[in-house]
């Protein structure tokens, strides 16, 4: 608080404490060829849910939208910039902001998998100081195994910089960057780099949003 990183009190927006609401718009499931998108929450349903809470007196809403890209939600980060139902979603964003509330889109520039269409394994997936790729096997809540990898912080920043203009044009409050606050690692890319160097890249990334 003394250094200005945290505020002394939460945003109250007229005296009402904030409520955090997360929505999943879509994901992908296996199909005969590749995958197909499964819709969970449409843009009109997001707007309806928002208005229902507002009408019930829950006026201080902080909203995060998952699966907003046609890539879906699980293990495809960083997502392609392909917002579902862009016109309706932009109208929804505007209505939330006009009420003094906040709207964030979830993305992850720290972790990725081979399901991401934007990642090049040799260029983007980081190596540890032992010169091994930082890839781990993850078991999902329903038992599906997948390989998750850490992205070089320099490449994380490059992806985020490339995407920043697109997100600014959408008029959202920012991005929800869950892994940025709890994942830090040293790495090798021809020479050794410390965690403090990774922090510097992540601070630049966070400042974009």
N, C-alpha and C. Protein backbone atom coordinates (compact mmCIF):
# COMPACT_ATOMS: atom_id res chain seq x y z
N UNK A 1 0.83 -1.20 0.00
CA UNK A 1 0.00 0.00 0.00
C UNK A 1 0.87 1.25 0.00
N UNK A 2 1.92 1.26 0.81
CA UNK A 2 2.79 2.43 0.91
C UNK A 2 3.45 2.76 -0.43
N UNK A 3 3.77 1.75 -1.22
CA UNK A 3 4.44 2.00 -2.49
C UNK A 3 3.47 2.20 -3.65
N UNK A 4 2.15 2.15 -3.34
CA UNK A 4 1.15 2.40 -4.37
C UNK A 4 0.75 1.20 -5.21
N UNK A 5 1.25 0.01 -4.86
CA UNK A 5 0.90 -1.19 -5.61
C UNK A 5 -0.54 -1.63 -5.29
N UNK A 6 -0.92 -1.52 -4.00
CA UNK A 6 -2.27 -1.86 -3.57
C UNK A 6 -2.98 -0.62 -3.08
N UNK A 7 -4.32 -0.64 -3.17
CA UNK A 7 -5.12 0.45 -2.61
C UNK A 7 -5.56 0.10 -1.20
N UNK A 8 -5.82 1.12 -0.40
CA UNK A 8 -6.20 0.90 0.99
C UNK A 8 -7.57 0.26 1.11
N UNK A 9 -8.44 0.50 0.13
CA UNK A 9 -9.78 -0.11 0.20
C UNK A 9 -10.24 -0.48 -1.20
N UNK A 10 -11.16 -1.44 -1.26
CA UNK A 10 -11.70 -1.90 -2.53
C UNK A 10 -12.55 -0.81 -3.18
N UNK A 11 -12.64 -0.87 -4.51
CA UNK A 11 -13.59 -0.02 -5.22
C UNK A 11 -15.00 -0.36 -4.73
N UNK A 12 -15.77 0.65 -4.32
CA UNK A 12 -17.07 0.37 -3.73
C UNK A 12 -18.24 0.74 -4.64
N UNK A 13 -18.03 1.64 -5.61
CA UNK A 13 -19.08 1.94 -6.59
C UNK A 13 -20.43 2.19 -5.94
N UNK A 14 -20.50 3.25 -5.13
CA UNK A 14 -21.77 3.61 -4.50
C UNK A 14 -22.03 2.89 -3.19
N UNK A 15 -21.02 2.23 -2.63
CA UNK A 15 -21.20 1.58 -1.34
C UNK A 15 -21.39 0.08 -1.42
N UNK A 16 -21.62 -0.45 -2.62
CA UNK A 16 -21.80 -1.90 -2.77
C UNK A 16 -20.44 -2.58 -2.95
N UNK A 17 -20.20 -3.64 -2.19
CA UNK A 17 -18.95 -4.36 -2.36
C UNK A 17 -18.96 -5.06 -3.72
N UNK A 18 -17.79 -5.25 -4.36
CA UNK A 18 -17.78 -5.87 -5.69
C UNK A 18 -18.00 -7.37 -5.63
N UNK A 19 -18.62 -7.89 -6.68
CA UNK A 19 -18.74 -9.34 -6.83
C UNK A 19 -18.00 -9.74 -8.11
N UNK A 20 -17.21 -10.80 -8.02
CA UNK A 20 -16.46 -11.31 -9.16
C UNK A 20 -17.29 -12.40 -9.83
N UNK A 21 -17.58 -12.23 -11.12
CA UNK A 21 -18.40 -13.19 -11.87
C UNK A 21 -17.60 -13.67 -13.08
N UNK A 22 -17.45 -14.98 -13.20
CA UNK A 22 -16.73 -15.58 -14.33
C UNK A 22 -17.71 -16.33 -15.22
N UNK A 23 -17.55 -16.18 -16.53
CA UNK A 23 -18.39 -16.88 -17.50
C UNK A 23 -17.50 -17.58 -18.52
N UNK A 24 -17.87 -18.80 -18.91
CA UNK A 24 -17.19 -19.52 -19.99
C UNK A 24 -18.09 -19.45 -21.22
N UNK A 25 -17.58 -18.88 -22.31
CA UNK A 25 -18.37 -18.77 -23.53
C UNK A 25 -18.33 -20.04 -24.36
N UNK A 26 -17.13 -20.65 -24.50
CA UNK A 26 -17.02 -21.80 -25.40
C UNK A 26 -15.79 -22.63 -25.09
N UNK A 27 -15.77 -23.83 -25.66
CA UNK A 27 -14.58 -24.67 -25.64
C UNK A 27 -14.60 -25.52 -26.90
N UNK A 28 -13.58 -26.36 -27.05
CA UNK A 28 -13.49 -27.25 -28.20
C UNK A 28 -13.60 -28.70 -27.73
N UNK A 29 -14.23 -29.53 -28.56
CA UNK A 29 -14.29 -30.97 -28.27
C UNK A 29 -13.86 -31.74 -29.52
N UNK A 30 -13.36 -32.98 -29.35
CA UNK A 30 -12.93 -33.76 -30.51
C UNK A 30 -14.06 -34.00 -31.49
N UNK A 31 -13.72 -33.94 -32.78
CA UNK A 31 -14.67 -34.23 -33.85
C UNK A 31 -14.05 -35.26 -34.78
N UNK A 32 -14.79 -35.68 -35.81
CA UNK A 32 -14.27 -36.67 -36.75
C UNK A 32 -12.99 -36.15 -37.39
N UNK A 33 -12.99 -34.86 -37.73
CA UNK A 33 -11.80 -34.20 -38.24
C UNK A 33 -11.50 -33.01 -37.34
N UNK A 34 -10.40 -33.06 -36.61
CA UNK A 34 -10.02 -31.96 -35.73
C UNK A 34 -10.94 -31.83 -34.54
N UNK A 35 -11.37 -30.60 -34.26
CA UNK A 35 -12.26 -30.34 -33.13
C UNK A 35 -13.41 -29.45 -33.58
N UNK A 36 -14.44 -29.40 -32.77
CA UNK A 36 -15.56 -28.50 -33.03
C UNK A 36 -15.84 -27.67 -31.79
N UNK A 37 -16.35 -26.47 -32.00
CA UNK A 37 -16.59 -25.55 -30.89
C UNK A 37 -17.91 -25.86 -30.21
N UNK A 38 -17.90 -25.84 -28.88
CA UNK A 38 -19.09 -26.06 -28.07
C UNK A 38 -19.43 -24.74 -27.39
N UNK A 39 -20.62 -24.22 -27.65
CA UNK A 39 -21.04 -22.97 -27.03
C UNK A 39 -21.63 -23.24 -25.66
N UNK A 40 -21.14 -22.52 -24.68
CA UNK A 40 -21.65 -22.64 -23.31
C UNK A 40 -22.48 -21.42 -22.92
N UNK A 41 -22.01 -20.23 -23.30
CA UNK A 41 -22.72 -19.01 -22.98
C UNK A 41 -22.61 -18.07 -24.17
N UNK A 42 -23.73 -17.65 -24.73
CA UNK A 42 -23.71 -16.74 -25.87
C UNK A 42 -23.57 -15.30 -25.39
N UNK A 43 -23.32 -14.40 -26.34
CA UNK A 43 -23.22 -12.98 -26.00
C UNK A 43 -24.53 -12.46 -25.41
N UNK A 44 -25.65 -12.89 -25.98
CA UNK A 44 -26.95 -12.43 -25.47
C UNK A 44 -27.22 -12.96 -24.07
N UNK A 45 -26.75 -14.17 -23.77
CA UNK A 45 -26.91 -14.72 -22.43
C UNK A 45 -26.03 -13.99 -21.42
N UNK A 46 -24.83 -13.56 -21.84
CA UNK A 46 -23.99 -12.75 -20.97
C UNK A 46 -24.70 -11.45 -20.61
N UNK A 47 -25.27 -10.80 -21.63
CA UNK A 47 -25.97 -9.54 -21.41
C UNK A 47 -27.17 -9.75 -20.49
N UNK A 48 -27.91 -10.84 -20.70
CA UNK A 48 -29.08 -11.14 -19.89
C UNK A 48 -28.69 -11.40 -18.43
N UNK A 49 -27.62 -12.17 -18.22
CA UNK A 49 -27.17 -12.45 -16.85
C UNK A 49 -26.75 -11.17 -16.16
N UNK A 50 -26.02 -10.33 -16.88
CA UNK A 50 -25.57 -9.06 -16.32
C UNK A 50 -26.77 -8.21 -15.89
N UNK A 51 -27.75 -8.09 -16.76
CA UNK A 51 -28.92 -7.26 -16.46
C UNK A 51 -29.75 -7.85 -15.33
N UNK A 52 -29.79 -9.18 -15.23
CA UNK A 52 -30.53 -9.84 -14.15
C UNK A 52 -29.92 -9.49 -12.79
N UNK A 53 -28.59 -9.56 -12.71
CA UNK A 53 -27.92 -9.19 -11.46
C UNK A 53 -28.11 -7.71 -11.14
N UNK A 54 -28.02 -6.87 -12.15
CA UNK A 54 -28.21 -5.43 -11.94
C UNK A 54 -29.61 -5.16 -11.39
N UNK A 55 -30.62 -5.80 -11.97
CA UNK A 55 -32.00 -5.60 -11.55
C UNK A 55 -32.22 -6.09 -10.12
N UNK A 56 -31.41 -7.07 -9.70
CA UNK A 56 -31.53 -7.61 -8.34
C UNK A 56 -30.75 -6.78 -7.32
N UNK A 57 -30.15 -5.69 -7.77
CA UNK A 57 -29.43 -4.82 -6.86
C UNK A 57 -27.95 -5.12 -6.72
N UNK A 58 -27.46 -6.10 -7.52
CA UNK A 58 -26.02 -6.43 -7.50
C UNK A 58 -25.37 -5.59 -8.59
N UNK A 59 -25.03 -4.36 -8.24
CA UNK A 59 -24.65 -3.37 -9.23
C UNK A 59 -23.15 -3.22 -9.42
N UNK A 60 -22.37 -3.76 -8.51
CA UNK A 60 -20.91 -3.63 -8.60
C UNK A 60 -20.32 -4.96 -9.05
N UNK A 61 -20.33 -5.17 -10.36
CA UNK A 61 -19.91 -6.44 -10.93
C UNK A 61 -18.54 -6.32 -11.60
N UNK A 62 -17.67 -7.28 -11.30
CA UNK A 62 -16.37 -7.38 -11.97
C UNK A 62 -16.37 -8.71 -12.71
N UNK A 63 -16.40 -8.63 -14.03
CA UNK A 63 -16.68 -9.79 -14.87
C UNK A 63 -15.44 -10.25 -15.62
N UNK A 64 -15.21 -11.57 -15.63
CA UNK A 64 -14.16 -12.17 -16.45
C UNK A 64 -14.79 -13.16 -17.40
N UNK A 65 -14.43 -13.06 -18.68
CA UNK A 65 -14.97 -13.95 -19.71
C UNK A 65 -13.89 -14.91 -20.17
N UNK A 66 -14.16 -16.21 -20.02
CA UNK A 66 -13.28 -17.28 -20.50
C UNK A 66 -13.85 -17.82 -21.82
N UNK A 67 -12.98 -18.40 -22.65
CA UNK A 67 -13.46 -19.00 -23.89
C UNK A 67 -14.07 -18.00 -24.85
N UNK A 68 -13.60 -16.76 -24.81
CA UNK A 68 -14.12 -15.70 -25.70
C UNK A 68 -13.62 -15.87 -27.13
N UNK A 69 -12.48 -16.54 -27.30
CA UNK A 69 -11.92 -16.79 -28.63
C UNK A 69 -12.52 -18.07 -29.21
N UNK A 70 -12.55 -18.14 -30.52
CA UNK A 70 -13.06 -19.37 -31.16
C UNK A 70 -12.13 -20.55 -30.90
N UNK A 71 -10.96 -20.30 -30.32
CA UNK A 71 -10.08 -21.40 -29.89
C UNK A 71 -10.70 -22.20 -28.76
N UNK A 72 -11.66 -21.64 -28.04
CA UNK A 72 -12.22 -22.29 -26.87
C UNK A 72 -11.54 -21.80 -25.60
N UNK A 73 -11.45 -22.68 -24.62
CA UNK A 73 -10.94 -22.25 -23.31
C UNK A 73 -9.70 -23.03 -22.87
N UNK A 74 -9.74 -24.36 -22.91
CA UNK A 74 -8.73 -25.17 -22.25
C UNK A 74 -7.50 -25.40 -23.12
N UNK A 75 -6.33 -25.03 -22.58
CA UNK A 75 -5.01 -25.42 -23.12
C UNK A 75 -4.72 -24.93 -24.53
N UNK A 76 -5.29 -23.78 -24.93
CA UNK A 76 -4.99 -23.26 -26.27
C UNK A 76 -4.39 -21.86 -26.23
N UNK A 77 -3.94 -21.45 -25.03
CA UNK A 77 -3.36 -20.13 -24.89
C UNK A 77 -1.95 -20.10 -25.51
N UNK A 78 -1.49 -18.90 -25.94
CA UNK A 78 -2.25 -17.66 -26.09
C UNK A 78 -3.24 -17.78 -27.24
N UNK A 79 -4.45 -17.25 -27.02
CA UNK A 79 -5.53 -17.48 -27.95
C UNK A 79 -5.38 -16.65 -29.23
N UNK A 80 -5.95 -17.18 -30.32
CA UNK A 80 -6.08 -16.39 -31.53
C UNK A 80 -7.04 -15.23 -31.28
N UNK A 81 -6.80 -14.11 -31.93
CA UNK A 81 -7.64 -12.93 -31.73
C UNK A 81 -8.87 -13.05 -32.62
N UNK A 82 -9.81 -13.83 -32.14
CA UNK A 82 -11.01 -14.16 -32.93
C UNK A 82 -12.20 -14.18 -31.99
N UNK A 83 -12.66 -13.00 -31.59
CA UNK A 83 -13.74 -12.86 -30.62
C UNK A 83 -15.04 -13.40 -31.19
N UNK A 84 -15.75 -14.20 -30.39
CA UNK A 84 -17.04 -14.75 -30.79
C UNK A 84 -18.09 -13.64 -30.79
N UNK A 85 -18.86 -13.53 -31.89
CA UNK A 85 -19.96 -12.57 -31.99
C UNK A 85 -19.48 -11.17 -31.60
N UNK A 86 -18.50 -10.67 -32.36
CA UNK A 86 -17.78 -9.45 -31.97
C UNK A 86 -18.70 -8.25 -31.76
N UNK A 87 -19.66 -8.03 -32.66
CA UNK A 87 -20.54 -6.88 -32.54
C UNK A 87 -21.33 -6.89 -31.25
N UNK A 88 -21.95 -8.01 -30.93
CA UNK A 88 -22.75 -8.13 -29.70
C UNK A 88 -21.87 -8.04 -28.47
N UNK A 89 -20.67 -8.63 -28.54
CA UNK A 89 -19.77 -8.60 -27.39
C UNK A 89 -19.29 -7.18 -27.11
N UNK A 90 -18.98 -6.42 -28.15
CA UNK A 90 -18.54 -5.04 -27.94
C UNK A 90 -19.66 -4.21 -27.32
N UNK A 91 -20.90 -4.47 -27.73
CA UNK A 91 -22.03 -3.77 -27.12
C UNK A 91 -22.17 -4.14 -25.65
N UNK A 92 -21.92 -5.41 -25.33
CA UNK A 92 -21.96 -5.87 -23.94
C UNK A 92 -20.86 -5.20 -23.13
N UNK A 93 -19.65 -5.16 -23.67
CA UNK A 93 -18.55 -4.49 -22.97
C UNK A 93 -18.91 -3.04 -22.66
N UNK A 94 -19.46 -2.35 -23.67
CA UNK A 94 -19.80 -0.94 -23.49
C UNK A 94 -20.83 -0.74 -22.40
N UNK A 95 -21.84 -1.63 -22.33
CA UNK A 95 -22.89 -1.48 -21.32
C UNK A 95 -22.34 -1.70 -19.92
N UNK A 96 -21.39 -2.64 -19.78
CA UNK A 96 -20.77 -2.89 -18.47
C UNK A 96 -19.96 -1.67 -18.02
N UNK A 97 -19.17 -1.13 -18.93
CA UNK A 97 -18.32 0.01 -18.59
C UNK A 97 -19.15 1.27 -18.33
N UNK A 98 -20.24 1.44 -19.05
CA UNK A 98 -21.10 2.61 -18.84
C UNK A 98 -21.68 2.62 -17.42
N UNK A 99 -21.86 1.44 -16.84
CA UNK A 99 -22.38 1.34 -15.48
C UNK A 99 -21.28 1.49 -14.42
N UNK A 100 -20.05 1.72 -14.86
CA UNK A 100 -18.95 1.86 -13.92
C UNK A 100 -18.38 0.53 -13.45
N UNK A 101 -18.71 -0.56 -14.15
CA UNK A 101 -18.21 -1.88 -13.80
C UNK A 101 -17.03 -2.26 -14.70
N UNK A 102 -16.45 -3.42 -14.43
CA UNK A 102 -15.25 -3.83 -15.17
C UNK A 102 -15.48 -5.14 -15.90
N UNK A 103 -14.81 -5.28 -17.05
CA UNK A 103 -14.94 -6.48 -17.87
C UNK A 103 -13.55 -6.88 -18.37
N UNK A 104 -13.15 -8.13 -18.07
CA UNK A 104 -11.84 -8.64 -18.44
C UNK A 104 -11.99 -9.90 -19.30
N UNK A 105 -11.07 -10.08 -20.22
CA UNK A 105 -10.98 -11.32 -20.99
C UNK A 105 -9.80 -12.13 -20.47
N UNK A 106 -10.00 -13.43 -20.31
CA UNK A 106 -8.93 -14.30 -19.80
C UNK A 106 -7.99 -14.69 -20.94
N UNK A 107 -6.71 -14.59 -20.67
CA UNK A 107 -5.69 -15.11 -21.58
C UNK A 107 -4.48 -15.51 -20.73
N UNK A 108 -3.59 -16.30 -21.31
CA UNK A 108 -2.41 -16.76 -20.57
C UNK A 108 -1.23 -16.74 -21.52
N UNK A 109 -0.25 -15.91 -21.22
CA UNK A 109 0.96 -15.84 -22.03
C UNK A 109 2.13 -16.59 -21.39
N UNK A 110 1.90 -17.21 -20.25
CA UNK A 110 2.97 -17.91 -19.53
C UNK A 110 2.97 -19.40 -19.87
N UNK A 111 1.79 -20.04 -19.82
CA UNK A 111 1.65 -21.47 -20.12
C UNK A 111 1.03 -21.65 -21.50
N UNK A 112 1.38 -22.74 -22.14
CA UNK A 112 0.79 -23.07 -23.43
C UNK A 112 0.77 -24.58 -23.59
N UNK A 113 0.31 -25.06 -24.74
CA UNK A 113 0.34 -26.49 -25.05
C UNK A 113 0.45 -26.66 -26.56
N UNK A 114 0.57 -27.90 -27.01
CA UNK A 114 0.66 -28.13 -28.45
C UNK A 114 -0.69 -27.92 -29.14
N UNK A 115 -1.75 -27.62 -28.36
CA UNK A 115 -3.05 -27.30 -28.96
C UNK A 115 -3.11 -25.86 -29.44
N UNK A 116 -2.17 -25.03 -28.99
CA UNK A 116 -2.16 -23.63 -29.41
C UNK A 116 -1.63 -23.53 -30.83
N UNK A 117 -2.36 -22.80 -31.67
CA UNK A 117 -1.96 -22.63 -33.06
C UNK A 117 -0.93 -21.52 -33.24
N UNK A 118 -0.65 -20.77 -32.17
CA UNK A 118 0.27 -19.64 -32.29
C UNK A 118 1.69 -19.98 -31.84
N UNK A 119 1.85 -21.09 -31.17
CA UNK A 119 3.14 -21.44 -30.57
C UNK A 119 3.99 -22.29 -31.51
N UNK A 120 5.27 -21.91 -31.63
CA UNK A 120 6.25 -22.74 -32.32
C UNK A 120 7.14 -23.35 -31.23
N UNK A 121 7.14 -24.68 -31.15
CA UNK A 121 7.79 -25.37 -30.04
C UNK A 121 9.25 -24.97 -29.88
N UNK A 122 10.03 -24.99 -30.95
CA UNK A 122 11.46 -24.71 -30.83
C UNK A 122 11.75 -23.25 -30.51
N UNK A 123 10.89 -22.34 -30.98
CA UNK A 123 11.11 -20.92 -30.77
C UNK A 123 10.57 -20.43 -29.43
N UNK A 124 9.40 -20.94 -29.01
CA UNK A 124 8.64 -20.32 -27.93
C UNK A 124 8.71 -21.06 -26.59
N UNK A 125 8.84 -22.38 -26.60
CA UNK A 125 8.84 -23.15 -25.35
C UNK A 125 10.21 -23.05 -24.69
N UNK A 126 10.21 -22.63 -23.43
CA UNK A 126 11.45 -22.33 -22.71
C UNK A 126 12.21 -23.60 -22.31
N UNK A 127 13.50 -23.42 -22.10
CA UNK A 127 14.36 -24.48 -21.57
C UNK A 127 14.78 -24.11 -20.14
N UNK A 128 14.94 -25.11 -19.32
CA UNK A 128 15.44 -24.90 -17.96
C UNK A 128 16.96 -24.70 -18.00
N UNK A 129 17.55 -24.40 -16.84
CA UNK A 129 19.00 -24.25 -16.77
C UNK A 129 19.72 -25.55 -17.11
N UNK A 130 19.02 -26.67 -16.99
CA UNK A 130 19.60 -27.96 -17.38
C UNK A 130 19.41 -28.23 -18.88
N UNK A 131 18.88 -27.23 -19.60
CA UNK A 131 18.75 -27.25 -21.06
C UNK A 131 17.70 -28.24 -21.54
N UNK A 132 16.72 -28.53 -20.69
CA UNK A 132 15.59 -29.36 -21.07
C UNK A 132 14.35 -28.49 -21.23
N UNK A 133 13.50 -28.82 -22.19
CA UNK A 133 12.28 -28.07 -22.40
C UNK A 133 11.40 -28.14 -21.15
N UNK A 134 10.84 -27.00 -20.76
CA UNK A 134 9.99 -26.92 -19.56
C UNK A 134 8.57 -27.32 -19.92
N UNK A 135 8.39 -28.63 -20.10
CA UNK A 135 7.11 -29.22 -20.46
C UNK A 135 6.71 -30.24 -19.41
N UNK A 136 5.44 -30.19 -19.00
CA UNK A 136 4.94 -31.04 -17.92
C UNK A 136 3.64 -31.71 -18.35
N UNK A 137 3.42 -32.91 -17.86
CA UNK A 137 2.16 -33.60 -18.13
C UNK A 137 1.13 -33.21 -17.09
N UNK A 138 -0.02 -32.76 -17.55
CA UNK A 138 -1.10 -32.32 -16.67
C UNK A 138 -2.30 -33.24 -16.82
N UNK A 139 -2.91 -33.59 -15.68
CA UNK A 139 -4.14 -34.39 -15.71
C UNK A 139 -5.31 -33.47 -15.35
N UNK A 140 -6.27 -33.34 -16.26
CA UNK A 140 -7.41 -32.45 -16.02
C UNK A 140 -8.37 -33.07 -15.01
N UNK A 141 -9.38 -32.30 -14.65
CA UNK A 141 -10.34 -32.76 -13.64
C UNK A 141 -11.10 -34.01 -14.10
N UNK A 142 -11.22 -34.22 -15.41
CA UNK A 142 -11.90 -35.42 -15.91
C UNK A 142 -10.92 -36.48 -16.41
N UNK A 143 -9.64 -36.35 -15.99
CA UNK A 143 -8.67 -37.41 -16.24
C UNK A 143 -7.95 -37.36 -17.56
N UNK A 144 -8.15 -36.31 -18.37
CA UNK A 144 -7.49 -36.20 -19.66
C UNK A 144 -6.06 -35.70 -19.45
N UNK A 145 -5.10 -36.39 -20.07
CA UNK A 145 -3.70 -36.00 -19.96
C UNK A 145 -3.31 -35.07 -21.11
N UNK A 146 -2.55 -34.04 -20.80
CA UNK A 146 -2.05 -33.13 -21.83
C UNK A 146 -0.71 -32.58 -21.39
N UNK A 147 0.11 -32.22 -22.36
CA UNK A 147 1.42 -31.64 -22.07
C UNK A 147 1.31 -30.12 -22.09
N UNK A 148 1.69 -29.50 -20.97
CA UNK A 148 1.71 -28.05 -20.85
C UNK A 148 3.15 -27.58 -20.80
N UNK A 149 3.41 -26.43 -21.40
CA UNK A 149 4.78 -25.92 -21.50
C UNK A 149 4.83 -24.46 -21.07
N UNK A 150 5.99 -24.07 -20.53
CA UNK A 150 6.23 -22.68 -20.17
C UNK A 150 6.85 -21.95 -21.36
N UNK A 151 6.39 -20.73 -21.58
CA UNK A 151 6.85 -19.92 -22.71
C UNK A 151 8.01 -19.03 -22.24
N UNK A 152 9.01 -18.85 -23.10
CA UNK A 152 10.06 -17.89 -22.78
C UNK A 152 9.42 -16.54 -22.42
N UNK A 153 9.79 -15.92 -21.31
CA UNK A 153 9.20 -14.62 -20.94
C UNK A 153 9.32 -13.57 -22.03
N UNK A 154 10.43 -13.57 -22.75
CA UNK A 154 10.60 -12.62 -23.86
C UNK A 154 9.55 -12.85 -24.93
N UNK A 155 9.22 -14.12 -25.21
CA UNK A 155 8.19 -14.43 -26.19
C UNK A 155 6.80 -14.12 -25.63
N UNK A 156 6.60 -14.33 -24.33
CA UNK A 156 5.33 -13.95 -23.71
C UNK A 156 5.07 -12.47 -23.93
N UNK A 157 6.07 -11.65 -23.70
CA UNK A 157 5.93 -10.21 -23.90
C UNK A 157 5.67 -9.89 -25.36
N UNK A 158 6.33 -10.58 -26.26
CA UNK A 158 6.13 -10.32 -27.70
C UNK A 158 4.70 -10.63 -28.12
N UNK A 159 4.15 -11.74 -27.65
CA UNK A 159 2.75 -12.07 -27.96
C UNK A 159 1.81 -11.00 -27.40
N UNK A 160 2.04 -10.60 -26.15
CA UNK A 160 1.17 -9.62 -25.51
C UNK A 160 1.24 -8.26 -26.20
N UNK A 161 2.44 -7.87 -26.62
CA UNK A 161 2.58 -6.61 -27.35
C UNK A 161 1.84 -6.67 -28.68
N UNK A 162 1.93 -7.80 -29.37
CA UNK A 162 1.25 -7.95 -30.66
C UNK A 162 -0.26 -7.89 -30.50
N UNK A 163 -0.77 -8.30 -29.33
CA UNK A 163 -2.21 -8.38 -29.12
C UNK A 163 -2.81 -7.11 -28.52
N UNK A 164 -1.98 -6.23 -27.97
CA UNK A 164 -2.49 -5.13 -27.15
C UNK A 164 -3.41 -4.18 -27.92
N UNK A 165 -3.09 -3.90 -29.17
CA UNK A 165 -3.92 -2.98 -29.96
C UNK A 165 -5.32 -3.58 -30.19
N UNK A 166 -5.37 -4.88 -30.43
CA UNK A 166 -6.67 -5.55 -30.64
C UNK A 166 -7.54 -5.42 -29.39
N UNK A 167 -6.98 -5.69 -28.22
CA UNK A 167 -7.77 -5.63 -27.00
C UNK A 167 -8.16 -4.19 -26.66
N UNK A 168 -7.29 -3.24 -26.97
CA UNK A 168 -7.63 -1.84 -26.73
C UNK A 168 -8.82 -1.43 -27.59
N UNK A 169 -8.87 -1.92 -28.81
CA UNK A 169 -9.96 -1.58 -29.72
C UNK A 169 -11.29 -2.16 -29.25
N UNK A 170 -11.25 -3.25 -28.51
CA UNK A 170 -12.48 -3.85 -27.99
C UNK A 170 -13.12 -3.01 -26.89
N UNK A 171 -12.31 -2.20 -26.22
CA UNK A 171 -12.84 -1.35 -25.17
C UNK A 171 -13.07 -2.04 -23.85
N UNK A 172 -12.30 -3.11 -23.57
CA UNK A 172 -12.45 -3.82 -22.29
C UNK A 172 -11.61 -3.15 -21.21
N UNK A 173 -11.80 -3.59 -19.96
CA UNK A 173 -11.02 -3.03 -18.85
C UNK A 173 -9.59 -3.54 -18.86
N UNK A 174 -9.37 -4.74 -19.39
CA UNK A 174 -8.03 -5.32 -19.44
C UNK A 174 -8.13 -6.82 -19.62
N UNK A 175 -7.04 -7.49 -19.33
CA UNK A 175 -6.99 -8.95 -19.41
C UNK A 175 -6.86 -9.55 -18.02
N UNK A 176 -7.41 -10.75 -17.85
CA UNK A 176 -7.17 -11.55 -16.66
C UNK A 176 -5.99 -12.47 -16.98
N UNK A 177 -4.87 -12.25 -16.30
CA UNK A 177 -3.62 -12.95 -16.59
C UNK A 177 -3.23 -13.79 -15.38
N UNK A 178 -3.94 -14.89 -15.19
CA UNK A 178 -3.87 -15.65 -13.95
C UNK A 178 -2.45 -16.15 -13.62
N UNK A 179 -1.74 -16.67 -14.60
CA UNK A 179 -0.44 -17.29 -14.32
C UNK A 179 0.65 -16.27 -14.05
N UNK A 180 0.43 -15.03 -14.44
CA UNK A 180 1.48 -14.03 -14.34
C UNK A 180 1.88 -13.77 -12.89
N UNK A 181 0.95 -13.95 -11.97
CA UNK A 181 1.23 -13.66 -10.58
C UNK A 181 1.73 -14.82 -9.75
N UNK A 182 1.81 -16.02 -10.34
CA UNK A 182 2.20 -17.17 -9.51
C UNK A 182 3.20 -18.11 -10.18
N UNK A 183 3.76 -17.71 -11.33
CA UNK A 183 4.69 -18.60 -12.01
C UNK A 183 5.94 -17.83 -12.38
N UNK A 184 7.10 -18.28 -11.89
CA UNK A 184 8.35 -17.60 -12.17
C UNK A 184 9.45 -18.64 -12.29
N UNK A 185 10.32 -18.47 -13.28
CA UNK A 185 11.34 -19.50 -13.48
C UNK A 185 12.58 -18.89 -14.14
N UNK A 186 13.73 -19.51 -13.87
CA UNK A 186 14.96 -19.19 -14.58
C UNK A 186 14.99 -20.04 -15.85
N UNK A 187 15.88 -19.70 -16.78
CA UNK A 187 15.83 -20.39 -18.08
C UNK A 187 17.17 -20.32 -18.79
N UNK A 188 17.23 -21.09 -19.88
CA UNK A 188 18.42 -21.13 -20.73
C UNK A 188 17.99 -20.90 -22.18
N UNK A 189 18.64 -19.95 -22.86
CA UNK A 189 18.38 -19.74 -24.29
C UNK A 189 19.68 -19.45 -25.04
N UNK A 190 20.68 -20.23 -24.72
CA UNK A 190 22.03 -19.98 -25.23
C UNK A 190 22.93 -19.50 -24.12
N UNK A 191 22.30 -18.93 -23.08
CA UNK A 191 22.97 -18.57 -21.84
C UNK A 191 21.94 -18.61 -20.73
N UNK A 192 22.41 -18.63 -19.49
CA UNK A 192 21.51 -18.72 -18.35
C UNK A 192 20.89 -17.36 -18.02
N UNK A 193 19.62 -17.39 -17.63
CA UNK A 193 18.91 -16.18 -17.22
C UNK A 193 18.20 -16.44 -15.89
N UNK A 194 18.25 -15.46 -15.02
CA UNK A 194 17.69 -15.60 -13.68
C UNK A 194 16.20 -15.25 -13.63
N UNK A 195 15.58 -15.55 -12.49
CA UNK A 195 14.17 -15.20 -12.29
C UNK A 195 13.96 -13.68 -12.33
N UNK A 196 14.95 -12.93 -11.85
CA UNK A 196 14.80 -11.47 -11.85
C UNK A 196 14.67 -10.93 -13.27
N UNK A 197 15.33 -11.58 -14.22
CA UNK A 197 15.18 -11.18 -15.62
C UNK A 197 13.79 -11.51 -16.14
N UNK A 198 13.26 -12.66 -15.70
CA UNK A 198 11.89 -13.02 -16.09
C UNK A 198 10.89 -12.01 -15.54
N UNK A 199 11.10 -11.58 -14.29
CA UNK A 199 10.22 -10.59 -13.67
C UNK A 199 10.15 -9.33 -14.52
N UNK A 200 11.28 -8.89 -15.02
CA UNK A 200 11.31 -7.65 -15.81
C UNK A 200 10.41 -7.75 -17.04
N UNK A 201 10.44 -8.90 -17.72
CA UNK A 201 9.57 -9.10 -18.88
C UNK A 201 8.10 -9.11 -18.45
N UNK A 202 7.80 -9.80 -17.35
CA UNK A 202 6.41 -9.90 -16.90
C UNK A 202 5.86 -8.55 -16.43
N UNK A 203 6.72 -7.71 -15.85
CA UNK A 203 6.29 -6.38 -15.44
C UNK A 203 5.92 -5.54 -16.67
N UNK A 204 6.70 -5.67 -17.72
CA UNK A 204 6.38 -4.97 -18.97
C UNK A 204 5.07 -5.48 -19.55
N UNK A 205 4.87 -6.79 -19.48
CA UNK A 205 3.64 -7.40 -20.00
C UNK A 205 2.41 -6.89 -19.23
N UNK A 206 2.51 -6.90 -17.92
CA UNK A 206 1.39 -6.46 -17.09
C UNK A 206 1.06 -4.99 -17.35
N UNK A 207 2.09 -4.18 -17.59
CA UNK A 207 1.88 -2.75 -17.82
C UNK A 207 1.08 -2.49 -19.09
N UNK A 208 1.11 -3.42 -20.06
CA UNK A 208 0.35 -3.24 -21.29
C UNK A 208 -1.15 -3.25 -21.04
N UNK A 209 -1.57 -3.91 -19.94
CA UNK A 209 -3.00 -4.12 -19.69
C UNK A 209 -3.43 -3.55 -18.35
